Amino acid sequence: MGSISIWHWLVVLLIVVLVFGTKKLKNIGADLGGAVKGFKDGVKDGGASAEATTPPPQVNASKVNDPNTVDVEAKTKS
């Protein structure tokens, strides 16, 4: 009683096909396959480009005191 046989899976598959229909299941499968392929391509490309690129420079406190910098919050409050 505790084991799931092939007949149980066939009944579940039949119910899923009846509920969703074959066209919808085909579209879901195609979307899922495209997502997996895109994820794999992104991981492959991301690993190679992450080594080649350098991180953007961080803003230092000296940039804040630059005379050409405009403090928008202070300008709108006055």
PDB file of N, CA and C in Angstrom:
ATOM      1  N   MET A   1       0.821  -1.191   0.000  1.00  0.00           N
ATOM      2  CA  MET A   1       0.000   0.000   0.000  1.00  0.00           C
ATOM      3  C   MET A   1       0.865   1.255   0.000  1.00  0.00           C
ATOM      4  N   GLY A   2       2.057   1.194   0.609  1.00  0.00           N
ATOM      5  CA  GLY A   2       2.914   2.361   0.720  1.00  0.00           C
ATOM      6  C   GLY A   2       3.690   2.672  -0.542  1.00  0.00           C
ATOM      7  N   SER A   3       3.888   1.697  -1.412  1.00  0.00           N
ATOM      8  CA  SER A   3       4.677   1.948  -2.616  1.00  0.00           C
ATOM      9  C   SER A   3       3.792   2.496  -3.736  1.00  0.00           C
ATOM     10  N   ILE A   4       4.401   3.336  -4.552  1.00  0.00           N
ATOM     11  CA  ILE A   4       3.681   3.924  -5.689  1.00  0.00           C
ATOM     12  C   ILE A   4       4.091   3.155  -6.932  1.00  0.00           C
ATOM     13  N   SER A   5       3.133   2.528  -7.575  1.00  0.00           N
ATOM     14  CA  SER A   5       3.426   1.729  -8.763  1.00  0.00           C
ATOM     15  C   SER A   5       3.313   2.581 -10.021  1.00  0.00           C
ATOM     16  N   ILE A   6       3.616   1.988 -11.142  1.00  0.00           N
ATOM     17  CA  ILE A   6       3.523   2.673 -12.428  1.00  0.00           C
ATOM     18  C   ILE A   6       2.086   3.079 -12.731  1.00  0.00           C
ATOM     19  N   TRP A   7       1.132   2.308 -12.257  1.00  0.00           N
ATOM     20  CA  TRP A   7      -0.277   2.623 -12.520  1.00  0.00           C
ATOM     21  C   TRP A   7      -0.701   3.901 -11.805  1.00  0.00           C
ATOM     22  N   HIS A   8      -0.165   4.130 -10.626  1.00  0.00           N
ATOM     23  CA  HIS A   8      -0.463   5.379  -9.926  1.00  0.00           C
ATOM     24  C   HIS A   8       0.035   6.577 -10.722  1.00  0.00           C
ATOM     25  N   TRP A   9       1.262   6.470 -11.245  1.00  0.00           N
ATOM     26  CA  TRP A   9       1.833   7.560 -12.029  1.00  0.00           C
ATOM     27  C   TRP A   9       1.065   7.787 -13.332  1.00  0.00           C
ATOM     28  N   LEU A  10       0.607   6.711 -13.944  1.00  0.00           N
ATOM     29  CA  LEU A  10      -0.177   6.854 -15.172  1.00  0.00           C
ATOM     30  C   LEU A  10      -1.511   7.542 -14.903  1.00  0.00           C
ATOM     31  N   VAL A  11      -2.141   7.241 -13.788  1.00  0.00           N
ATOM     32  CA  VAL A  11      -3.401   7.899 -13.428  1.00  0.00           C
ATOM     33  C   VAL A  11      -3.153   9.377 -13.154  1.00  0.00           C
ATOM     34  N   VAL A  12      -2.078   9.689 -12.448  1.00  0.00           N
ATOM     35  CA  VAL A  12      -1.746  11.097 -12.177  1.00  0.00           C
ATOM     36  C   VAL A  12      -1.469  11.832 -13.483  1.00  0.00           C
ATOM     37  N   LEU A  13      -0.722  11.224 -14.384  1.00  0.00           N
ATOM     38  CA  LEU A  13      -0.430  11.830 -15.676  1.00  0.00           C
ATOM     39  C   LEU A  13      -1.709  12.064 -16.480  1.00  0.00           C
ATOM     40  N   LEU A  14      -2.611  11.109 -16.472  1.00  0.00           N
ATOM     41  CA  LEU A  14      -3.876  11.249 -17.180  1.00  0.00           C
ATOM     42  C   LEU A  14      -4.698  12.406 -16.608  1.00  0.00           C
ATOM     43  N   ILE A  15      -4.736  12.531 -15.312  1.00  0.00           N
ATOM     44  CA  ILE A  15      -5.486  13.634 -14.682  1.00  0.00           C
ATOM     45  C   ILE A  15      -4.855  14.977 -15.029  1.00  0.00           C
ATOM     46  N   VAL A  16      -3.528  15.062 -15.017  1.00  0.00           N
ATOM     47  CA  VAL A  16      -2.846  16.311 -15.369  1.00  0.00           C
ATOM     48  C   VAL A  16      -3.136  16.698 -16.809  1.00  0.00           C
ATOM     49  N   VAL A  17      -3.106  15.729 -17.719  1.00  0.00           N
ATOM     50  CA  VAL A  17      -3.397  16.009 -19.129  1.00  0.00           C
ATOM     51  C   VAL A  17      -4.842  16.454 -19.294  1.00  0.00           C
ATOM     52  N   LEU A  18      -5.765  15.831 -18.576  1.00  0.00           N
ATOM     53  CA  LEU A  18      -7.171  16.227 -18.673  1.00  0.00           C
ATOM     54  C   LEU A  18      -7.399  17.631 -18.108  1.00  0.00           C
ATOM     55  N   VAL A  19      -6.700  17.981 -17.056  1.00  0.00           N
ATOM     56  CA  VAL A  19      -6.903  19.293 -16.435  1.00  0.00           C
ATOM     57  C   VAL A  19      -6.281  20.398 -17.280  1.00  0.00           C
ATOM     58  N   PHE A  20      -5.025  20.213 -17.701  1.00  0.00           N
ATOM     59  CA  PHE A  20      -4.319  21.289 -18.391  1.00  0.00           C
ATOM     60  C   PHE A  20      -4.423  21.212 -19.906  1.00  0.00           C
ATOM     61  N   GLY A  21      -4.579  20.059 -20.463  1.00  0.00           N
ATOM     62  CA  GLY A  21      -4.606  19.915 -21.915  1.00  0.00           C
ATOM     63  C   GLY A  21      -3.201  19.778 -22.468  1.00  0.00           C
ATOM     64  N   THR A  22      -3.102  19.149 -23.618  1.00  0.00           N
ATOM     65  CA  THR A  22      -1.786  18.876 -24.193  1.00  0.00           C
ATOM     66  C   THR A  22      -1.094  20.139 -24.702  1.00  0.00           C
ATOM     67  N   LYS A  23      -1.870  21.090 -25.236  1.00  0.00           N
ATOM     68  CA  LYS A  23      -1.267  22.310 -25.773  1.00  0.00           C
ATOM     69  C   LYS A  23      -0.628  23.134 -24.655  1.00  0.00           C
ATOM     70  N   LYS A  24      -1.323  23.271 -23.556  1.00  0.00           N
ATOM     71  CA  LYS A  24      -0.791  24.039 -22.432  1.00  0.00           C
ATOM     72  C   LYS A  24       0.446  23.351 -21.850  1.00  0.00           C
ATOM     73  N   LEU A  25       0.421  22.031 -21.739  1.00  0.00           N
ATOM     74  CA  LEU A  25       1.578  21.306 -21.222  1.00  0.00           C
ATOM     75  C   LEU A  25       2.777  21.442 -22.158  1.00  0.00           C
ATOM     76  N   LYS A  26       2.517  21.464 -23.469  1.00  0.00           N
ATOM     77  CA  LYS A  26       3.604  21.640 -24.432  1.00  0.00           C
ATOM     78  C   LYS A  26       4.227  23.019 -24.280  1.00  0.00           C
ATOM     79  N   ASN A  27       3.387  24.048 -24.109  1.00  0.00           N
ATOM     80  CA  ASN A  27       3.898  25.404 -23.924  1.00  0.00           C
ATOM     81  C   ASN A  27       4.691  25.526 -22.623  1.00  0.00           C
ATOM     82  N   ILE A  28       4.197  24.896 -21.559  1.00  0.00           N
ATOM     83  CA  ILE A  28       4.909  24.933 -20.282  1.00  0.00           C
ATOM     84  C   ILE A  28       6.265  24.248 -20.427  1.00  0.00           C
ATOM     85  N   GLY A  29       6.299  23.122 -21.122  1.00  0.00           N
ATOM     86  CA  GLY A  29       7.566  22.409 -21.332  1.00  0.00           C
ATOM     87  C   GLY A  29       8.552  23.226 -22.144  1.00  0.00           C
ATOM     88  N   ALA A  30       8.062  23.893 -23.184  1.00  0.00           N
ATOM     89  CA  ALA A  30       8.942  24.720 -24.007  1.00  0.00           C
ATOM     90  C   ALA A  30       9.470  25.909 -23.212  1.00  0.00           C
ATOM     91  N   ASP A  31       8.623  26.536 -22.418  1.00  0.00           N
ATOM     92  CA  ASP A  31       9.049  27.663 -21.591  1.00  0.00           C
ATOM     93  C   ASP A  31      10.072  27.229 -20.554  1.00  0.00           C
ATOM     94  N   LEU A  32       9.836  26.097 -19.933  1.00  0.00           N
ATOM     95  CA  LEU A  32      10.761  25.588 -18.929  1.00  0.00           C
ATOM     96  C   LEU A  32      12.108  25.230 -19.560  1.00  0.00           C
ATOM     97  N   GLY A  33      12.071  24.607 -20.727  1.00  0.00           N
ATOM     98  CA  GLY A  33      13.314  24.272 -21.422  1.00  0.00           C
ATOM     99  C   GLY A  33      14.095  25.507 -21.831  1.00  0.00           C
ATOM    100  N   GLY A  34      13.398  26.530 -22.303  1.00  0.00           N
ATOM    101  CA  GLY A  34      14.068  27.785 -22.663  1.00  0.00           C
ATOM    102  C   GLY A  34      14.679  28.471 -21.453  1.00  0.00           C
ATOM    103  N   ALA A  35      13.969  28.404 -20.328  1.00  0.00           N
ATOM    104  CA  ALA A  35      14.492  29.017 -19.107  1.00  0.00           C
ATOM    105  C   ALA A  35      15.747  28.302 -18.624  1.00  0.00           C
ATOM    106  N   VAL A  36      15.740  26.975 -18.688  1.00  0.00           N
ATOM    107  CA  VAL A  36      16.914  26.210 -18.266  1.00  0.00           C
ATOM    108  C   VAL A  36      18.089  26.497 -19.192  1.00  0.00           C
ATOM    109  N   LYS A  37      17.828  26.574 -20.490  1.00  0.00           N
ATOM    110  CA  LYS A  37      18.897  26.863 -21.448  1.00  0.00           C
ATOM    111  C   LYS A  37      19.463  28.265 -21.220  1.00  0.00           C
ATOM    112  N   GLY A  38      18.582  29.231 -20.995  1.00  0.00           N
ATOM    113  CA  GLY A  38      19.039  30.591 -20.717  1.00  0.00           C
ATOM    114  C   GLY A  38      19.843  30.673 -19.432  1.00  0.00           C
ATOM    115  N   PHE A  39      19.421  29.933 -18.416  1.00  0.00           N
ATOM    116  CA  PHE A  39      20.156  29.914 -17.154  1.00  0.00           C
ATOM    117  C   PHE A  39      21.547  29.325 -17.345  1.00  0.00           C
ATOM    118  N   LYS A  40      21.639  28.222 -18.093  1.00  0.00           N
ATOM    119  CA  LYS A  40      22.943  27.593 -18.336  1.00  0.00           C
ATOM    120  C   LYS A  40      23.856  28.532 -19.119  1.00  0.00           C
ATOM    121  N   ASP A  41      23.310  29.211 -20.135  1.00  0.00           N
ATOM    122  CA  ASP A  41      24.109  30.152 -20.914  1.00  0.00           C
ATOM    123  C   ASP A  41      24.575  31.314 -20.044  1.00  0.00           C
ATOM    124  N   GLY A  42      23.698  31.788 -19.180  1.00  0.00           N
ATOM    125  CA  GLY A  42      24.055  32.885 -18.292  1.00  0.00           C
ATOM    126  C   GLY A  42      25.129  32.502 -17.303  1.00  0.00           C
ATOM    127  N   VAL A  43      25.039  31.303 -16.772  1.00  0.00           N
ATOM    128  CA  VAL A  43      26.060  30.844 -15.828  1.00  0.00           C
ATOM    129  C   VAL A  43      27.389  30.682 -16.548  1.00  0.00           C
ATOM    130  N   LYS A  44      27.342  30.129 -17.763  1.00  0.00           N
ATOM    131  CA  LYS A  44      28.577  29.924 -18.518  1.00  0.00           C
ATOM    132  C   LYS A  44      29.197  31.267 -18.896  1.00  0.00           C
ATOM    133  N   ASP A  45      28.414  32.210 -19.375  1.00  0.00           N
ATOM    134  CA  ASP A  45      28.917  33.524 -19.757  1.00  0.00           C
ATOM    135  C   ASP A  45      29.309  34.338 -18.532  1.00  0.00           C
ATOM    136  N   GLY A  46      28.557  34.240 -17.463  1.00  0.00           N
ATOM    137  CA  GLY A  46      28.838  34.996 -16.253  1.00  0.00           C
ATOM    138  C   GLY A  46      30.135  34.583 -15.605  1.00  0.00           C
ATOM    139  N   GLY A  47      30.461  33.321 -15.631  1.00  0.00           N
ATOM    140  CA  GLY A  47      31.709  32.848 -15.048  1.00  0.00           C
ATOM    141  C   GLY A  47      32.914  33.338 -15.817  1.00  0.00           C
ATOM    142  N   ALA A  48      32.822  33.384 -17.138  1.00  0.00           N
ATOM    143  CA  ALA A  48      33.946  33.815 -17.963  1.00  0.00           C
ATOM    144  C   ALA A  48      34.119  35.322 -17.904  1.00  0.00           C
ATOM    145  N   SER A  49      33.038  36.082 -17.917  1.00  0.00           N
ATOM    146  CA  SER A  49      33.154  37.540 -17.938  1.00  0.00           C
ATOM    147  C   SER A  49      33.450  38.102 -16.562  1.00  0.00           C
ATOM    148  N   ALA A  50      33.117  37.385 -15.502  1.00  0.00           N
ATOM    149  CA  ALA A  50      33.386  37.884 -14.156  1.00  0.00           C
ATOM    150  C   ALA A  50      34.882  37.953 -13.895  1.00  0.00           C
ATOM    151  N   GLU A  51      35.654  37.057 -14.476  1.00  0.00           N
ATOM    152  CA  GLU A  51      37.089  37.076 -14.294  1.00  0.00           C
ATOM    153  C   GLU A  51      37.739  38.198 -15.099  1.00  0.00           C
ATOM    154  N   ALA A  52      37.182  38.527 -16.250  1.00  0.00           N
ATOM    155  CA  ALA A  52      37.787  39.501 -17.140  1.00  0.00           C
ATOM    156  C   ALA A  52      37.470  40.938 -16.736  1.00  0.00           C
ATOM    157  N   THR A  53      36.344  41.179 -16.096  1.00  0.00           N
ATOM    158  CA  THR A  53      35.955  42.543 -15.769  1.00  0.00           C
ATOM    159  C   THR A  53      36.468  42.927 -14.393  1.00  0.00           C
ATOM    160  N   THR A  54      36.687  44.217 -14.224  1.00  0.00           N
ATOM    161  CA  THR A  54      37.095  44.727 -12.925  1.00  0.00           C
ATOM    162  C   THR A  54      35.894  45.400 -12.270  1.00  0.00           C
ATOM    163  N   PRO A  55      35.823  45.404 -10.957  1.00  0.00           N
ATOM    164  CA  PRO A  55      34.688  46.039 -10.299  1.00  0.00           C
ATOM    165  C   PRO A  55      34.755  47.553 -10.469  1.00  0.00           C
ATOM    166  N   PRO A  56      33.617  48.222 -10.446  1.00  0.00           N
ATOM    167  CA  PRO A  56      33.616  49.676 -10.594  1.00  0.00           C
ATOM    168  C   PRO A  56      34.283  50.333  -9.377  1.00  0.00           C
ATOM    169  N   PRO A  57      34.902  51.474  -9.583  1.00  0.00           N
ATOM    170  CA  PRO A  57      35.575  52.142  -8.462  1.00  0.00           C
ATOM    171  C   PRO A  57      34.558  52.649  -7.447  1.00  0.00           C
ATOM    172  N   GLN A  58      34.977  52.664  -6.186  1.00  0.00           N
ATOM    173  CA  GLN A  58      34.098  53.133  -5.128  1.00  0.00           C
ATOM    174  C   GLN A  58      34.263  54.636  -4.953  1.00  0.00           C
ATOM    175  N   VAL A  59      33.185  55.291  -4.534  1.00  0.00           N
ATOM    176  CA  VAL A  59      33.209  56.730  -4.311  1.00  0.00           C
ATOM    177  C   VAL A  59      33.825  56.987  -2.948  1.00  0.00           C
ATOM    178  N   ASN A  60      34.819  57.845  -2.922  1.00  0.00           N
ATOM    179  CA  ASN A  60      35.484  58.189  -1.676  1.00  0.00           C
ATOM    180  C   ASN A  60      34.826  59.406  -1.051  1.00  0.00           C
ATOM    181  N   ALA A  61      35.153  59.670   0.193  1.00  0.00           N
ATOM    182  CA  ALA A  61      34.610  60.833   0.895  1.00  0.00           C
ATOM    183  C   ALA A  61      35.113  62.128   0.266  1.00  0.00           C
ATOM    184  N   SER A  62      36.291  62.106  -0.360  1.00  0.00           N
ATOM    185  CA  SER A  62      36.829  63.318  -0.982  1.00  0.00           C
ATOM    186  C   SER A  62      35.975  63.759  -2.166  1.00  0.00           C
ATOM    187  N   LYS A  63      35.275  62.850  -2.804  1.00  0.00           N
ATOM    188  CA  LYS A  63      34.390  63.203  -3.910  1.00  0.00           C
ATOM    189  C   LYS A  63      33.198  64.020  -3.409  1.00  0.00           C
ATOM    190  N   VAL A  64      32.766  63.769  -2.190  1.00  0.00           N
ATOM    191  CA  VAL A  64      31.619  64.490  -1.642  1.00  0.00           C
ATOM    192  C   VAL A  64      31.978  65.948  -1.412  1.00  0.00           C
ATOM    193  N   ASN A  65      33.223  66.244  -1.038  1.00  0.00           N
ATOM    194  CA  ASN A  65      33.652  67.612  -0.758  1.00  0.00           C
ATOM    195  C   ASN A  65      34.104  68.354  -2.013  1.00  0.00           C
ATOM    196  N   ASP A  66      33.949  67.764  -3.169  1.00  0.00           N
ATOM    197  CA  ASP A  66      34.323  68.400  -4.424  1.00  0.00           C
ATOM    198  C   ASP A  66      33.447  69.633  -4.637  1.00  0.00           C
ATOM    199  N   PRO A  67      34.004  70.782  -5.022  1.00  0.00           N
ATOM    200  CA  PRO A  67      33.197  72.001  -5.206  1.00  0.00           C
ATOM    201  C   PRO A  67      32.202  71.886  -6.362  1.00  0.00           C
ATOM    202  N   ASN A  68      32.405  70.967  -7.275  1.00  0.00           N
ATOM    203  CA  ASN A  68      31.481  70.812  -8.400  1.00  0.00           C
ATOM    204  C   ASN A  68      30.290  69.917  -8.062  1.00  0.00           C
ATOM    205  N   THR A  69      30.287  69.294  -6.874  1.00  0.00           N
ATOM    206  CA  THR A  69      29.209  68.409  -6.473  1.00  0.00           C
ATOM    207  C   THR A  69      28.054  69.235  -5.917  1.00  0.00           C
ATOM    208  N   VAL A  70      26.850  68.911  -6.336  1.00  0.00           N
ATOM    209  CA  VAL A  70      25.660  69.621  -5.877  1.00  0.00           C
ATOM    210  C   VAL A  70      24.880  68.694  -4.959  1.00  0.00           C
ATOM    211  N   ASP A  71      24.573  69.151  -3.761  1.00  0.00           N
ATOM    212  CA  ASP A  71      23.768  68.392  -2.823  1.00  0.00           C
ATOM    213  C   ASP A  71      22.308  68.702  -3.124  1.00  0.00           C
ATOM    214  N   VAL A  72      21.617  67.781  -3.734  1.00  0.00           N
ATOM    215  CA  VAL A  72      20.250  67.993  -4.175  1.00  0.00           C
ATOM    216  C   VAL A  72      19.307  68.179  -2.992  1.00  0.00           C
ATOM    217  N   GLU A  73      19.511  67.419  -1.934  1.00  0.00           N
ATOM    218  CA  GLU A  73      18.644  67.535  -0.762  1.00  0.00           C
ATOM    219  C   GLU A  73      18.769  68.907  -0.125  1.00  0.00           C
ATOM    220  N   ALA A  74      19.980  69.432  -0.008  1.00  0.00           N
ATOM    221  CA  ALA A  74      20.181  70.752   0.593  1.00  0.00           C
ATOM    222  C   ALA A  74      19.603  71.847  -0.303  1.00  0.00           C
ATOM    223  N   LYS A  75      19.690  71.644  -1.596  1.00  0.00           N
ATOM    224  CA  LYS A  75      19.185  72.646  -2.541  1.00  0.00           C
ATOM    225  C   LYS A  75      17.662  72.701  -2.504  1.00  0.00           C
ATOM    226  N   THR A  76      16.989  71.568  -2.354  1.00  0.00           N
ATOM    227  CA  THR A  76      15.530  71.560  -2.337  1.00  0.00           C
ATOM    228  C   THR A  76      14.971  72.037  -1.004  1.00  0.00           C
ATOM    229  N   LYS A  77      15.711  71.882   0.111  1.00  0.00           N
ATOM    230  CA  LYS A  77      15.229  72.312   1.417  1.00  0.00           C
ATOM    231  C   LYS A  77      15.251  73.821   1.567  1.00  0.00           C
ATOM    232  N   SER A  78      16.170  74.508   0.887  1.00  0.00           N
ATOM    233  CA  SER A  78      16.276  75.952   1.052  1.00  0.00           C
ATOM    234  C   SER A  78      15.406  76.726   0.120  1.00  0.00           C
TER     235      SER A  78
END
